[in-house]
Amino acid sequence: MIRSVHLLGIPFAIIAGTGAGVFALLSWGIFRDSPFGTAIALLSVGMAALTIYHTMLLVVEPASPVLDVLRSAANTIVAIFIGLLILRHRQLRRERSGGEAAWTD
C-alpha cells in the first residue's frame, strides 16, 4: 500500500521538476548577461539532477550505487553554485568599492 502511494508521487515529481527546470532555463535566458547568469544556468542543471535523483529514489531501493552517484553529483552542483555566488558577490563588492557607478541593466 505504501509503495503504491510512493509510485503515485512519481508523475508529480517529474512534472514539478520539469516545470521548475524550464522556469530556470527561461530565467537564465533573461538574466544571461547579468552578474548571476552563470549561477542561474548551474541552478537549472542542479534542479534537473535533483529531480532525477528523487524520482530514482522512489523507483529503486535506497542503497543503490546509482543513487549514490546521483546524490554526489547533485551535492557537487549545489556546492559549485554556492561557490559561484560567493565569488560573484565578492567581485561585485570590489567593483563598487573601487568608486565605480552601480551597474544597471
PDB file of N, CA and C in Angstrom:
ATOM      1  N   MET A   1       0.815  -1.195   0.000  1.00  0.00           N
ATOM      2  CA  MET A   1       0.000   0.000   0.000  1.00  0.00           C
ATOM      3  C   MET A   1       0.860   1.261   0.000  1.00  0.00           C
ATOM      4  N   ILE A   2       1.855   1.310   0.878  1.00  0.00           N
ATOM      5  CA  ILE A   2       2.711   2.491   0.949  1.00  0.00           C
ATOM      6  C   ILE A   2       3.514   2.624  -0.341  1.00  0.00           C
ATOM      7  N   ARG A   3       3.944   1.502  -0.903  1.00  0.00           N
ATOM      8  CA  ARG A   3       4.711   1.524  -2.156  1.00  0.00           C
ATOM      9  C   ARG A   3       3.885   2.143  -3.281  1.00  0.00           C
ATOM     10  N   SER A   4       2.572   1.819  -3.334  1.00  0.00           N
ATOM     11  CA  SER A   4       1.739   2.378  -4.401  1.00  0.00           C
ATOM     12  C   SER A   4       1.555   3.883  -4.222  1.00  0.00           C
ATOM     13  N   VAL A   5       1.512   4.360  -2.984  1.00  0.00           N
ATOM     14  CA  VAL A   5       1.403   5.803  -2.750  1.00  0.00           C
ATOM     15  C   VAL A   5       2.674   6.495  -3.231  1.00  0.00           C
ATOM     16  N   HIS A   6       3.832   5.879  -2.976  1.00  0.00           N
ATOM     17  CA  HIS A   6       5.089   6.447  -3.462  1.00  0.00           C
ATOM     18  C   HIS A   6       5.128   6.465  -4.984  1.00  0.00           C
ATOM     19  N   LEU A   7       4.630   5.405  -5.605  1.00  0.00           N
ATOM     20  CA  LEU A   7       4.637   5.347  -7.066  1.00  0.00           C
ATOM     21  C   LEU A   7       3.698   6.384  -7.674  1.00  0.00           C
ATOM     22  N   LEU A   8       2.651   6.746  -6.961  1.00  0.00           N
ATOM     23  CA  LEU A   8       1.758   7.799  -7.461  1.00  0.00           C
ATOM     24  C   LEU A   8       2.440   9.165  -7.433  1.00  0.00           C
ATOM     25  N   GLY A   9       3.424   9.334  -6.575  1.00  0.00           N
ATOM     26  CA  GLY A   9       4.137  10.607  -6.495  1.00  0.00           C
ATOM     27  C   GLY A   9       5.132  10.826  -7.615  1.00  0.00           C
ATOM     28  N   ILE A  10       5.485   9.778  -8.340  1.00  0.00           N
ATOM     29  CA  ILE A  10       6.487   9.903  -9.407  1.00  0.00           C
ATOM     30  C   ILE A  10       6.040  10.872 -10.502  1.00  0.00           C
ATOM     31  N   PRO A  11       4.828  10.745 -11.054  1.00  0.00           N
ATOM     32  CA  PRO A  11       4.440  11.729 -12.084  1.00  0.00           C
ATOM     33  C   PRO A  11       4.441  13.167 -11.568  1.00  0.00           C
ATOM     34  N   PHE A  12       4.024  13.358 -10.338  1.00  0.00           N
ATOM     35  CA  PHE A  12       4.026  14.711  -9.777  1.00  0.00           C
ATOM     36  C   PHE A  12       5.447  15.249  -9.613  1.00  0.00           C
ATOM     37  N   ALA A  13       6.361  14.371  -9.206  1.00  0.00           N
ATOM     38  CA  ALA A  13       7.764  14.795  -9.072  1.00  0.00           C
ATOM     39  C   ALA A  13       8.348  15.164 -10.427  1.00  0.00           C
ATOM     40  N   ILE A  14       8.037  14.382 -11.433  1.00  0.00           N
ATOM     41  CA  ILE A  14       8.561  14.660 -12.781  1.00  0.00           C
ATOM     42  C   ILE A  14       7.972  15.957 -13.333  1.00  0.00           C
ATOM     43  N   ILE A  15       6.680  16.163 -13.153  1.00  0.00           N
ATOM     44  CA  ILE A  15       6.037  17.371 -13.666  1.00  0.00           C
ATOM     45  C   ILE A  15       6.551  18.614 -12.945  1.00  0.00           C
ATOM     46  N   ALA A  16       6.636  18.545 -11.623  1.00  0.00           N
ATOM     47  CA  ALA A  16       7.120  19.701 -10.864  1.00  0.00           C
ATOM     48  C   ALA A  16       8.579  19.996 -11.182  1.00  0.00           C
ATOM     49  N   GLY A  17       9.408  18.961 -11.280  1.00  0.00           N
ATOM     50  CA  GLY A  17      10.817  19.166 -11.608  1.00  0.00           C
ATOM     51  C   GLY A  17      11.014  19.704 -13.010  1.00  0.00           C
ATOM     52  N   THR A  18      10.219  19.222 -13.953  1.00  0.00           N
ATOM     53  CA  THR A  18      10.315  19.717 -15.320  1.00  0.00           C
ATOM     54  C   THR A  18       9.884  21.179 -15.396  1.00  0.00           C
ATOM     55  N   GLY A  19       8.807  21.505 -14.716  1.00  0.00           N
ATOM     56  CA  GLY A  19       8.351  22.899 -14.699  1.00  0.00           C
ATOM     57  C   GLY A  19       9.383  23.826 -14.078  1.00  0.00           C
ATOM     58  N   ALA A  20       9.977  23.395 -12.985  1.00  0.00           N
ATOM     59  CA  ALA A  20      10.994  24.219 -12.335  1.00  0.00           C
ATOM     60  C   ALA A  20      12.236  24.349 -13.213  1.00  0.00           C
ATOM     61  N   GLY A  21      12.608  23.274 -13.890  1.00  0.00           N
ATOM     62  CA  GLY A  21      13.765  23.330 -14.792  1.00  0.00           C
ATOM     63  C   GLY A  21      13.533  24.260 -15.968  1.00  0.00           C
ATOM     64  N   VAL A  22      12.333  24.200 -16.545  1.00  0.00           N
ATOM     65  CA  VAL A  22      12.001  25.098 -17.657  1.00  0.00           C
ATOM     66  C   VAL A  22      12.002  26.545 -17.182  1.00  0.00           C
ATOM     67  N   PHE A  23      11.441  26.797 -16.003  1.00  0.00           N
ATOM     68  CA  PHE A  23      11.435  28.154 -15.455  1.00  0.00           C
ATOM     69  C   PHE A  23      12.860  28.653 -15.222  1.00  0.00           C
ATOM     70  N   ALA A  24      13.748  27.774 -14.728  1.00  0.00           N
ATOM     71  CA  ALA A  24      15.143  28.168 -14.508  1.00  0.00           C
ATOM     72  C   ALA A  24      15.828  28.483 -15.838  1.00  0.00           C
ATOM     73  N   LEU A  25      15.558  27.692 -16.872  1.00  0.00           N
ATOM     74  CA  LEU A  25      16.162  27.968 -18.184  1.00  0.00           C
ATOM     75  C   LEU A  25      15.632  29.273 -18.781  1.00  0.00           C
ATOM     76  N   LEU A  26      14.337  29.539 -18.609  1.00  0.00           N
ATOM     77  CA  LEU A  26      13.790  30.805 -19.094  1.00  0.00           C
ATOM     78  C   LEU A  26      14.388  31.979 -18.327  1.00  0.00           C
ATOM     79  N   SER A  27      14.565  31.806 -17.032  1.00  0.00           N
ATOM     80  CA  SER A  27      15.200  32.861 -16.238  1.00  0.00           C
ATOM     81  C   SER A  27      16.635  33.083 -16.690  1.00  0.00           C
ATOM     82  N   TRP A  28      17.334  32.009 -17.005  1.00  0.00           N
ATOM     83  CA  TRP A  28      18.710  32.153 -17.486  1.00  0.00           C
ATOM     84  C   TRP A  28      18.724  32.891 -18.815  1.00  0.00           C
ATOM     85  N   GLY A  29      17.744  32.628 -19.678  1.00  0.00           N
ATOM     86  CA  GLY A  29      17.674  33.354 -20.946  1.00  0.00           C
ATOM     87  C   GLY A  29      17.495  34.842 -20.744  1.00  0.00           C
ATOM     88  N   ILE A  30      16.764  35.211 -19.712  1.00  0.00           N
ATOM     89  CA  ILE A  30      16.542  36.630 -19.429  1.00  0.00           C
ATOM     90  C   ILE A  30      17.773  37.254 -18.768  1.00  0.00           C
ATOM     91  N   PHE A  31      18.347  36.543 -17.794  1.00  0.00           N
ATOM     92  CA  PHE A  31      19.441  37.087 -16.991  1.00  0.00           C
ATOM     93  C   PHE A  31      20.821  36.622 -17.452  1.00  0.00           C
ATOM     94  N   ARG A  32      20.945  36.188 -18.686  1.00  0.00           N
ATOM     95  CA  ARG A  32      22.213  35.647 -19.198  1.00  0.00           C
ATOM     96  C   ARG A  32      23.363  36.635 -19.072  1.00  0.00           C
ATOM     97  N   ASP A  33      23.105  37.890 -19.321  1.00  0.00           N
ATOM     98  CA  ASP A  33      24.167  38.893 -19.278  1.00  0.00           C
ATOM     99  C   ASP A  33      24.266  39.595 -17.924  1.00  0.00           C
ATOM    100  N   SER A  34      23.488  39.165 -16.961  1.00  0.00           N
ATOM    101  CA  SER A  34      23.548  39.777 -15.639  1.00  0.00           C
ATOM    102  C   SER A  34      24.664  39.126 -14.820  1.00  0.00           C
ATOM    103  N   PRO A  35      24.994  39.688 -13.681  1.00  0.00           N
ATOM    104  CA  PRO A  35      26.061  39.125 -12.864  1.00  0.00           C
ATOM    105  C   PRO A  35      25.802  37.696 -12.382  1.00  0.00           C
ATOM    106  N   PHE A  36      24.558  37.282 -12.297  1.00  0.00           N
ATOM    107  CA  PHE A  36      24.242  35.963 -11.784  1.00  0.00           C
ATOM    108  C   PHE A  36      23.767  34.995 -12.862  1.00  0.00           C
ATOM    109  N   GLY A  37      24.036  35.275 -14.123  1.00  0.00           N
ATOM    110  CA  GLY A  37      23.606  34.417 -15.218  1.00  0.00           C
ATOM    111  C   GLY A  37      24.189  33.019 -15.149  1.00  0.00           C
ATOM    112  N   THR A  38      25.475  32.905 -14.830  1.00  0.00           N
ATOM    113  CA  THR A  38      26.108  31.588 -14.731  1.00  0.00           C
ATOM    114  C   THR A  38      25.525  30.799 -13.567  1.00  0.00           C
ATOM    115  N   ALA A  39      25.253  31.460 -12.467  1.00  0.00           N
ATOM    116  CA  ALA A  39      24.678  30.770 -11.310  1.00  0.00           C
ATOM    117  C   ALA A  39      23.282  30.245 -11.630  1.00  0.00           C
ATOM    118  N   ILE A  40      22.502  30.999 -12.376  1.00  0.00           N
ATOM    119  CA  ILE A  40      21.166  30.550 -12.741  1.00  0.00           C
ATOM    120  C   ILE A  40      21.252  29.359 -13.687  1.00  0.00           C
ATOM    121  N   ALA A  41      22.198  29.367 -14.615  1.00  0.00           N
ATOM    122  CA  ALA A  41      22.381  28.220 -15.507  1.00  0.00           C
ATOM    123  C   ALA A  41      22.769  26.975 -14.718  1.00  0.00           C
ATOM    124  N   LEU A  42      23.661  27.129 -13.764  1.00  0.00           N
ATOM    125  CA  LEU A  42      24.070  25.999 -12.940  1.00  0.00           C
ATOM    126  C   LEU A  42      22.919  25.529 -12.058  1.00  0.00           C
ATOM    127  N   LEU A  43      22.087  26.442 -11.629  1.00  0.00           N
ATOM    128  CA  LEU A  43      20.923  26.079 -10.827  1.00  0.00           C
ATOM    129  C   LEU A  43      19.961  25.203 -11.626  1.00  0.00           C
ATOM    130  N   SER A  44      19.778  25.500 -12.900  1.00  0.00           N
ATOM    131  CA  SER A  44      18.881  24.679 -13.715  1.00  0.00           C
ATOM    132  C   SER A  44      19.428  23.261 -13.883  1.00  0.00           C
ATOM    133  N   VAL A  45      20.743  23.113 -14.020  1.00  0.00           N
ATOM    134  CA  VAL A  45      21.347  21.778 -14.099  1.00  0.00           C
ATOM    135  C   VAL A  45      21.176  21.044 -12.765  1.00  0.00           C
ATOM    136  N   GLY A  46      21.367  21.747 -11.675  1.00  0.00           N
ATOM    137  CA  GLY A  46      21.189  21.138 -10.360  1.00  0.00           C
ATOM    138  C   GLY A  46      19.758  20.701 -10.111  1.00  0.00           C
ATOM    139  N   MET A  47      18.809  21.502 -10.562  1.00  0.00           N
ATOM    140  CA  MET A  47      17.404  21.141 -10.394  1.00  0.00           C
ATOM    141  C   MET A  47      17.065  19.887 -11.185  1.00  0.00           C
ATOM    142  N   ALA A  48      17.617  19.763 -12.377  1.00  0.00           N
ATOM    143  CA  ALA A  48      17.378  18.550 -13.168  1.00  0.00           C
ATOM    144  C   ALA A  48      17.997  17.329 -12.483  1.00  0.00           C
ATOM    145  N   ALA A  49      19.199  17.484 -11.933  1.00  0.00           N
ATOM    146  CA  ALA A  49      19.847  16.364 -11.240  1.00  0.00           C
ATOM    147  C   ALA A  49      19.064  15.952 -10.003  1.00  0.00           C
ATOM    148  N   LEU A  50      18.568  16.915  -9.253  1.00  0.00           N
ATOM    149  CA  LEU A  50      17.787  16.586  -8.063  1.00  0.00           C
ATOM    150  C   LEU A  50      16.449  15.950  -8.418  1.00  0.00           C
ATOM    151  N   THR A  51      15.838  16.353  -9.527  1.00  0.00           N
ATOM    152  CA  THR A  51      14.591  15.725  -9.970  1.00  0.00           C
ATOM    153  C   THR A  51      14.828  14.277 -10.331  1.00  0.00           C
ATOM    154  N   ILE A  52      15.895  14.012 -11.071  1.00  0.00           N
ATOM    155  CA  ILE A  52      16.223  12.628 -11.436  1.00  0.00           C
ATOM    156  C   ILE A  52      16.526  11.813 -10.189  1.00  0.00           C
ATOM    157  N   TYR A  53      17.264  12.398  -9.251  1.00  0.00           N
ATOM    158  CA  TYR A  53      17.615  11.685  -8.023  1.00  0.00           C
ATOM    159  C   TYR A  53      16.375  11.311  -7.220  1.00  0.00           C
ATOM    160  N   HIS A  54      15.466  12.258  -7.015  1.00  0.00           N
ATOM    161  CA  HIS A  54      14.288  11.965  -6.202  1.00  0.00           C
ATOM    162  C   HIS A  54      13.337  10.997  -6.898  1.00  0.00           C
ATOM    163  N   THR A  55      13.264  11.053  -8.212  1.00  0.00           N
ATOM    164  CA  THR A  55      12.451  10.077  -8.934  1.00  0.00           C
ATOM    165  C   THR A  55      13.055   8.685  -8.817  1.00  0.00           C
ATOM    166  N   MET A  56      14.366   8.595  -8.967  1.00  0.00           N
ATOM    167  CA  MET A  56      15.029   7.296  -8.824  1.00  0.00           C
ATOM    168  C   MET A  56      14.911   6.775  -7.396  1.00  0.00           C
ATOM    169  N   LEU A  57      14.902   7.653  -6.433  1.00  0.00           N
ATOM    170  CA  LEU A  57      14.757   7.250  -5.041  1.00  0.00           C
ATOM    171  C   LEU A  57      13.404   6.584  -4.801  1.00  0.00           C
ATOM    172  N   LEU A  58      12.381   7.053  -5.498  1.00  0.00           N
ATOM    173  CA  LEU A  58      11.070   6.433  -5.372  1.00  0.00           C
ATOM    174  C   LEU A  58      10.984   5.099  -6.108  1.00  0.00           C
ATOM    175  N   VAL A  59      11.751   4.940  -7.183  1.00  0.00           N
ATOM    176  CA  VAL A  59      11.631   3.748  -8.021  1.00  0.00           C
ATOM    177  C   VAL A  59      12.517   2.605  -7.528  1.00  0.00           C
ATOM    178  N   VAL A  60      13.770   2.888  -7.233  1.00  0.00           N
ATOM    179  CA  VAL A  60      14.706   1.823  -6.852  1.00  0.00           C
ATOM    180  C   VAL A  60      14.959   1.848  -5.352  1.00  0.00           C
ATOM    181  N   GLU A  61      15.670   0.851  -4.877  1.00  0.00           N
ATOM    182  CA  GLU A  61      15.964   0.778  -3.449  1.00  0.00           C
ATOM    183  C   GLU A  61      16.974   1.855  -3.050  1.00  0.00           C
ATOM    184  N   PRO A  62      16.897   2.353  -1.825  1.00  0.00           N
ATOM    185  CA  PRO A  62      17.748   3.478  -1.401  1.00  0.00           C
ATOM    186  C   PRO A  62      19.245   3.171  -1.351  1.00  0.00           C
ATOM    187  N   ALA A  63      19.639   1.912  -1.289  1.00  0.00           N
ATOM    188  CA  ALA A  63      21.062   1.581  -1.166  1.00  0.00           C
ATOM    189  C   ALA A  63      21.709   1.300  -2.525  1.00  0.00           C
ATOM    190  N   SER A  64      21.202   1.879  -3.581  1.00  0.00           N
ATOM    191  CA  SER A  64      21.710   1.637  -4.928  1.00  0.00           C
ATOM    192  C   SER A  64      22.939   2.498  -5.211  1.00  0.00           C
ATOM    193  N   PRO A  65      23.953   1.943  -5.899  1.00  0.00           N
ATOM    194  CA  PRO A  65      25.127   2.756  -6.259  1.00  0.00           C
ATOM    195  C   PRO A  65      24.793   3.894  -7.215  1.00  0.00           C
ATOM    196  N   VAL A  66      23.774   3.708  -8.044  1.00  0.00           N
ATOM    197  CA  VAL A  66      23.360   4.766  -8.971  1.00  0.00           C
ATOM    198  C   VAL A  66      22.876   5.985  -8.181  1.00  0.00           C
ATOM    199  N   LEU A  67      22.145   5.737  -7.108  1.00  0.00           N
ATOM    200  CA  LEU A  67      21.670   6.849  -6.288  1.00  0.00           C
ATOM    201  C   LEU A  67      22.806   7.539  -5.560  1.00  0.00           C
ATOM    202  N   ASP A  68      23.813   6.779  -5.172  1.00  0.00           N
ATOM    203  CA  ASP A  68      24.984   7.401  -4.538  1.00  0.00           C
ATOM    204  C   ASP A  68      25.689   8.343  -5.505  1.00  0.00           C
ATOM    205  N   VAL A  69      25.795   7.929  -6.767  1.00  0.00           N
ATOM    206  CA  VAL A  69      26.436   8.777  -7.780  1.00  0.00           C
ATOM    207  C   VAL A  69      25.594  10.020  -8.044  1.00  0.00           C
ATOM    208  N   LEU A  70      24.270   9.847  -8.170  1.00  0.00           N
ATOM    209  CA  LEU A  70      23.397  10.998  -8.406  1.00  0.00           C
ATOM    210  C   LEU A  70      23.406  11.961  -7.220  1.00  0.00           C
ATOM    211  N   ARG A  71      23.414  11.428  -6.001  1.00  0.00           N
ATOM    212  CA  ARG A  71      23.463  12.285  -4.816  1.00  0.00           C
ATOM    213  C   ARG A  71      24.767  13.061  -4.771  1.00  0.00           C
ATOM    214  N   SER A  72      25.859  12.396  -5.109  1.00  0.00           N
ATOM    215  CA  SER A  72      27.155  13.069  -5.127  1.00  0.00           C
ATOM    216  C   SER A  72      27.192  14.169  -6.188  1.00  0.00           C
ATOM    217  N   ALA A  73      26.646  13.879  -7.374  1.00  0.00           N
ATOM    218  CA  ALA A  73      26.617  14.884  -8.444  1.00  0.00           C
ATOM    219  C   ALA A  73      25.756  16.082  -8.046  1.00  0.00           C
ATOM    220  N   ALA A  74      24.608  15.821  -7.452  1.00  0.00           N
ATOM    221  CA  ALA A  74      23.725  16.916  -7.045  1.00  0.00           C
ATOM    222  C   ALA A  74      24.377  17.770  -5.957  1.00  0.00           C
ATOM    223  N   ASN A  75      25.028  17.132  -4.996  1.00  0.00           N
ATOM    224  CA  ASN A  75      25.703  17.895  -3.941  1.00  0.00           C
ATOM    225  C   ASN A  75      26.878  18.697  -4.493  1.00  0.00           C
ATOM    226  N   THR A  76      27.573  18.152  -5.470  1.00  0.00           N
ATOM    227  CA  THR A  76      28.678  18.874  -6.103  1.00  0.00           C
ATOM    228  C   THR A  76      28.160  20.107  -6.845  1.00  0.00           C
ATOM    229  N   ILE A  77      27.059  19.947  -7.554  1.00  0.00           N
ATOM    230  CA  ILE A  77      26.477  21.076  -8.284  1.00  0.00           C
ATOM    231  C   ILE A  77      26.029  22.163  -7.313  1.00  0.00           C
ATOM    232  N   VAL A  78      25.423  21.774  -6.201  1.00  0.00           N
ATOM    233  CA  VAL A  78      24.998  22.760  -5.202  1.00  0.00           C
ATOM    234  C   VAL A  78      26.206  23.486  -4.616  1.00  0.00           C
ATOM    235  N   ALA A  79      27.283  22.751  -4.339  1.00  0.00           N
ATOM    236  CA  ALA A  79      28.492  23.377  -3.785  1.00  0.00           C
ATOM    237  C   ALA A  79      29.114  24.359  -4.781  1.00  0.00           C
ATOM    238  N   ILE A  80      29.157  23.990  -6.055  1.00  0.00           N
ATOM    239  CA  ILE A  80      29.694  24.890  -7.080  1.00  0.00           C
ATOM    240  C   ILE A  80      28.804  26.123  -7.212  1.00  0.00           C
ATOM    241  N   PHE A  81      27.494  25.922  -7.160  1.00  0.00           N
ATOM    242  CA  PHE A  81      26.537  27.030  -7.239  1.00  0.00           C
ATOM    243  C   PHE A  81      26.770  28.031  -6.109  1.00  0.00           C
ATOM    244  N   ILE A  82      26.900  27.540  -4.900  1.00  0.00           N
ATOM    245  CA  ILE A  82      27.131  28.425  -3.755  1.00  0.00           C
ATOM    246  C   ILE A  82      28.485  29.120  -3.876  1.00  0.00           C
ATOM    247  N   GLY A  83      29.497  28.390  -4.317  1.00  0.00           N
ATOM    248  CA  GLY A  83      30.817  28.990  -4.513  1.00  0.00           C
ATOM    249  C   GLY A  83      30.802  30.094  -5.553  1.00  0.00           C
ATOM    250  N   LEU A  84      30.098  29.871  -6.669  1.00  0.00           N
ATOM    251  CA  LEU A  84      29.985  30.910  -7.698  1.00  0.00           C
ATOM    252  C   LEU A  84      29.270  32.150  -7.175  1.00  0.00           C
ATOM    253  N   LEU A  85      28.228  31.937  -6.391  1.00  0.00           N
ATOM    254  CA  LEU A  85      27.522  33.086  -5.833  1.00  0.00           C
ATOM    255  C   LEU A  85      28.414  33.888  -4.888  1.00  0.00           C
ATOM    256  N   ILE A  86      29.200  33.201  -4.071  1.00  0.00           N
ATOM    257  CA  ILE A  86      30.110  33.895  -3.154  1.00  0.00           C
ATOM    258  C   ILE A  86      31.164  34.669  -3.930  1.00  0.00           C
ATOM    259  N   LEU A  87      31.756  34.037  -4.951  1.00  0.00           N
ATOM    260  CA  LEU A  87      32.773  34.718  -5.756  1.00  0.00           C
ATOM    261  C   LEU A  87      32.205  35.930  -6.478  1.00  0.00           C
ATOM    262  N   ARG A  88      31.009  35.776  -7.027  1.00  0.00           N
ATOM    263  CA  ARG A  88      30.395  36.879  -7.760  1.00  0.00           C
ATOM    264  C   ARG A  88      30.042  38.031  -6.806  1.00  0.00           C
ATOM    265  N   HIS A  89      29.576  37.695  -5.621  1.00  0.00           N
ATOM    266  CA  HIS A  89      29.253  38.722  -4.631  1.00  0.00           C
ATOM    267  C   HIS A  89      30.505  39.510  -4.248  1.00  0.00           C
ATOM    268  N   ARG A  90      31.605  38.811  -4.023  1.00  0.00           N
ATOM    269  CA  ARG A  90      32.860  39.498  -3.676  1.00  0.00           C
ATOM    270  C   ARG A  90      33.348  40.371  -4.821  1.00  0.00           C
ATOM    271  N   GLN A  91      33.187  39.875  -6.054  1.00  0.00           N
ATOM    272  CA  GLN A  91      33.613  40.648  -7.216  1.00  0.00           C
ATOM    273  C   GLN A  91      32.776  41.924  -7.346  1.00  0.00           C
ATOM    274  N   LEU A  92      31.481  41.808  -7.159  1.00  0.00           N
ATOM    275  CA  LEU A  92      30.622  42.993  -7.231  1.00  0.00           C
ATOM    276  C   LEU A  92      30.941  43.984  -6.112  1.00  0.00           C
ATOM    277  N   ARG A  93      31.247  43.479  -4.936  1.00  0.00           N
ATOM    278  CA  ARG A  93      31.583  44.354  -3.814  1.00  0.00           C
ATOM    279  C   ARG A  93      32.889  45.105  -4.094  1.00  0.00           C
ATOM    280  N   ARG A  94      33.887  44.410  -4.678  1.00  0.00           N
ATOM    281  CA  ARG A  94      35.151  45.074  -5.006  1.00  0.00           C
ATOM    282  C   ARG A  94      34.948  46.142  -6.068  1.00  0.00           C
ATOM    283  N   GLU A  95      34.125  45.861  -7.073  1.00  0.00           N
ATOM    284  CA  GLU A  95      33.879  46.833  -8.136  1.00  0.00           C
ATOM    285  C   GLU A  95      33.170  48.073  -7.595  1.00  0.00           C
ATOM    286  N   ARG A  96      32.236  47.895  -6.693  1.00  0.00           N
ATOM    287  CA  ARG A  96      31.502  49.045  -6.144  1.00  0.00           C
ATOM    288  C   ARG A  96      32.367  49.854  -5.193  1.00  0.00           C
ATOM    289  N   SER A  97      33.275  49.187  -4.456  1.00  0.00           N
ATOM    290  CA  SER A  97      34.124  49.939  -3.528  1.00  0.00           C
ATOM    291  C   SER A  97      35.244  50.662  -4.262  1.00  0.00           C
ATOM    292  N   GLY A  98      35.476  50.323  -5.519  1.00  0.00           N
ATOM    293  CA  GLY A  98      36.514  50.972  -6.294  1.00  0.00           C
ATOM    294  C   GLY A  98      36.100  52.330  -6.832  1.00  0.00           C
ATOM    295  N   GLY A  99      34.905  52.775  -6.521  1.00  0.00           N
ATOM    296  CA  GLY A  99      34.466  54.093  -6.949  1.00  0.00           C
ATOM    297  C   GLY A  99      33.666  54.085  -8.223  1.00  0.00           C
ATOM    298  N   GLU A 100      33.405  52.914  -8.763  1.00  0.00           N
ATOM    299  CA  GLU A 100      32.628  52.848  -9.988  1.00  0.00           C
ATOM    300  C   GLU A 100      31.146  53.043  -9.681  1.00  0.00           C
ATOM    301  N   ALA A 101      30.425  53.446 -10.660  1.00  0.00           N
ATOM    302  CA  ALA A 101      28.990  53.599 -10.506  1.00  0.00           C
ATOM    303  C   ALA A 101      28.346  52.210 -10.446  1.00  0.00           C
ATOM    304  N   ALA A 102      27.169  52.164  -9.861  1.00  0.00           N
ATOM    305  CA  ALA A 102      26.457  50.881  -9.772  1.00  0.00           C
ATOM    306  C   ALA A 102      26.067  50.433 -11.183  1.00  0.00           C
ATOM    307  N   TRP A 103      26.117  49.130 -11.429  1.00  0.00           N
ATOM    308  CA  TRP A 103      25.766  48.602 -12.744  1.00  0.00           C
ATOM    309  C   TRP A 103      24.260  48.638 -12.923  1.00  0.00           C
ATOM    310  N   THR A 104      23.852  48.832 -14.152  1.00  0.00           N
ATOM    311  CA  THR A 104      22.418  48.825 -14.475  1.00  0.00           C
ATOM    312  C   THR A 104      22.218  47.938 -15.675  1.00  0.00           C
ATOM    313  N   ASP A 105      21.012  47.469 -15.818  1.00  0.00           N
ATOM    314  CA  ASP A 105      20.667  46.621 -16.968  1.00  0.00           C
ATOM    315  C   ASP A 105      20.154  47.444 -18.119  1.00  0.00           C
TER     316      ASP A 105
END
